Protein backbone atom coordinates (compact mmCIF):
# COMPACT_ATOMS: atom_id res chain seq x y z
CA MET A 1 13.68 -109.74 54.02
CA LEU A 2 12.89 -105.87 53.77
CA VAL A 3 11.93 -104.75 50.48
CA GLN A 4 12.00 -101.09 49.21
CA ARG A 5 10.61 -99.23 46.02
CA VAL A 6 13.75 -96.99 44.95
CA ALA A 7 13.94 -94.85 41.93
CA SER A 8 17.42 -95.41 42.27
CA ALA A 9 20.29 -97.62 44.85
CA ARG A 10 23.66 -98.14 45.05
CA VAL A 11 25.98 -100.01 47.69
CA GLU A 12 29.68 -99.04 47.62
CA VAL A 13 32.33 -100.45 49.48
CA ASP A 14 35.57 -98.51 50.68
CA GLY A 15 34.05 -95.62 48.15
CA VAL A 16 33.80 -98.29 45.51
CA VAL A 17 30.37 -99.24 43.97
CA ALA A 18 30.05 -102.70 44.26
CA GLY A 19 26.29 -102.92 42.97
CA SER A 20 23.90 -100.15 41.29
CA ILE A 21 20.40 -100.28 40.16
CA GLY A 22 17.83 -97.72 38.62
CA ALA A 23 14.15 -97.85 39.51
CA GLY A 24 13.06 -101.21 40.98
CA MET A 25 13.74 -103.13 44.59
CA LEU A 26 16.39 -102.89 47.03
CA VAL A 27 16.41 -105.82 49.08
CA LEU A 28 17.87 -106.27 52.44
CA ALA A 29 18.20 -109.79 52.84
CA GLY A 30 18.71 -111.34 56.54
CA PHE A 31 18.63 -115.38 56.85
CA GLU A 32 18.30 -117.27 59.74
CA ALA A 33 20.10 -120.85 60.48
CA ALA A 34 16.62 -122.65 59.85
CA ASP A 35 15.96 -121.15 56.94
CA SER A 36 15.96 -123.72 53.88
CA GLU A 37 15.37 -123.59 50.34
CA SER A 38 11.72 -123.61 50.35
CA ASP A 39 12.07 -120.24 52.23
CA LEU A 40 14.03 -118.63 49.59
CA ILE A 41 11.99 -120.01 46.95
CA TRP A 42 8.98 -118.55 48.39
CA VAL A 43 10.48 -115.07 49.17
CA SER A 44 12.11 -115.05 45.75
CA SER A 45 8.77 -115.75 44.25
CA LYS A 46 6.61 -113.17 46.10
CA LEU A 47 9.34 -110.73 45.54
CA SER A 48 8.77 -111.07 41.41
CA LYS A 49 4.96 -110.89 41.93
CA LEU A 50 4.76 -107.97 44.44
CA ARG A 51 2.75 -105.86 42.92
CA ILE A 52 3.78 -102.32 44.03
CA PHE A 53 4.55 -100.69 41.03
CA PRO A 54 1.98 -98.21 39.69
CA ASP A 55 0.10 -98.77 36.42
CA ALA A 56 -0.85 -95.66 34.04
CA ALA A 57 -3.40 -94.72 36.62
CA GLY A 58 -1.19 -94.58 39.02
CA VAL A 59 -2.27 -97.67 41.44
CA MET A 60 0.07 -100.18 42.48
CA ASN A 61 -0.95 -102.80 39.91
CA ARG A 62 2.65 -103.83 38.53
CA SER A 63 5.16 -106.15 39.48
CA ILE A 64 9.17 -105.81 39.28
CA VAL A 65 8.52 -108.01 36.41
CA ASP A 66 5.98 -105.84 34.58
CA SER A 67 7.77 -102.86 35.06
CA ASP A 68 10.99 -103.65 33.72
CA GLY A 69 12.95 -102.44 37.35
CA GLU A 70 15.74 -103.65 39.11
CA ILE A 71 17.23 -105.10 42.04
CA LEU A 72 19.88 -104.21 44.27
CA ALA A 73 20.11 -107.68 46.76
CA VAL A 74 22.25 -106.47 50.12
CA SER A 75 22.77 -108.88 53.15
CA GLN A 76 22.05 -107.70 56.27
CA PHE A 77 21.99 -109.93 59.51
CA THR A 78 21.27 -106.77 61.68
CA LEU A 79 17.73 -107.78 60.46
CA PHE A 80 17.31 -110.16 63.10
CA ALA A 81 18.11 -107.49 65.98
CA SER A 82 16.62 -108.41 69.47
CA ILE A 83 16.53 -106.08 72.24
CA LYS A 84 14.58 -108.26 74.36
CA LYS A 85 17.20 -107.87 76.90
CA GLY A 86 19.09 -104.81 77.75
CA ASN A 87 20.01 -101.92 75.11
CA ARG A 88 22.78 -103.46 73.33
CA PRO A 89 21.06 -105.62 70.22
CA SER A 90 21.71 -109.58 70.54
CA TRP A 91 22.03 -111.31 66.67
CA SER A 92 21.73 -114.74 68.38
CA ARG A 93 19.11 -115.54 65.73
CA ALA A 94 20.73 -114.56 62.40
CA ALA A 95 22.16 -117.27 60.47
CA HIS A 96 26.19 -117.33 60.78
CA PRO A 97 28.25 -116.60 57.78
CA GLU A 98 29.01 -119.66 56.47
CA ILE A 99 25.21 -120.73 56.70
CA SER A 100 24.18 -117.09 55.44
CA LYS A 101 26.58 -116.71 52.51
CA PRO A 102 25.72 -119.78 50.65
CA LEU A 103 21.63 -118.94 51.63
CA PHE A 104 22.37 -115.36 50.24
CA GLU A 105 24.35 -116.92 47.00
CA ARG A 106 21.68 -119.10 46.25
CA PHE A 107 18.71 -116.47 46.84
CA VAL A 108 20.25 -114.48 44.49
CA ARG A 109 20.44 -117.04 41.68
CA GLN A 110 16.82 -118.16 42.53
CA LEU A 111 15.84 -114.12 41.85
CA GLU A 112 17.64 -114.10 38.67
CA ALA A 113 15.81 -117.12 37.43
CA ASP A 114 12.31 -115.68 38.75
CA LEU A 115 13.28 -111.96 37.05
CA GLY A 116 15.10 -113.60 34.03
CA ARG A 117 18.12 -111.14 34.53
CA TRP A 118 20.90 -110.15 36.56
CA VAL A 119 20.34 -109.27 40.48
CA ALA A 120 22.96 -106.28 41.65
CA THR A 121 24.17 -107.24 44.70
CA GLY A 122 26.68 -105.96 48.23
CA VAL A 123 29.75 -107.55 49.05
CA PHE A 124 28.64 -110.19 51.31
CA GLY A 125 30.10 -109.25 55.44
CA ALA A 126 31.58 -105.63 54.00
CA ASP A 127 31.03 -102.56 55.60
CA MET A 128 28.55 -100.94 52.79
CA GLN A 129 27.45 -97.43 52.50
CA ILE A 130 23.99 -97.98 50.71
CA HIS A 131 22.67 -94.85 48.74
CA LEU A 132 18.70 -94.78 47.61
CA VAL A 133 15.86 -92.68 46.84
CA ASN A 134 12.92 -94.15 48.14
CA ASP A 135 9.91 -94.04 45.91
CA GLY A 136 6.46 -93.45 47.47
CA PRO A 137 8.00 -94.36 50.20
CA VAL A 138 7.09 -98.11 49.70
CA THR A 139 8.96 -100.72 52.45
CA ILE A 140 7.33 -103.87 52.93
CA SER A 141 8.40 -107.03 55.26
CA LEU A 142 8.38 -110.15 53.98
CA ASP A 143 8.76 -113.24 56.70
CA SER A 144 8.88 -116.88 55.09
CA ARG A 145 8.00 -118.09 58.62
CA ASN A 146 4.86 -116.06 58.51
CA PRO A 147 3.19 -115.56 54.97
CA GLU A 148 0.98 -113.25 55.61
């Protein structure tokens, strides 16, 4: 997963806005076939508690919950690109759609449960245009297989 703190973000499909948020997080979500429910729970919990929003002193000390921010989650299999062999990326690590779509849907439901509110999304498998205003910028990679 890749998370960016944003002042605003929206995703469009064929010129139509599919999801839009104000201040919060844009979450680019990629899944491997080996991902399980425990991976979804860990990432969702980490995202809901991640202290990347400024407090009154301007220190990154508040979570998305504390700051009453929003989340836009977008499925993105290209996060698993491998360029080990040549220059054309391989996505062999990325879960196939019949696996990744249910994982993405469960991930969004888990985020909504952890946040206690709705999560905006893109359209799974669609050609999407993402518009965002980075805040900071703050960009963090989360990997449930390597929880640093």
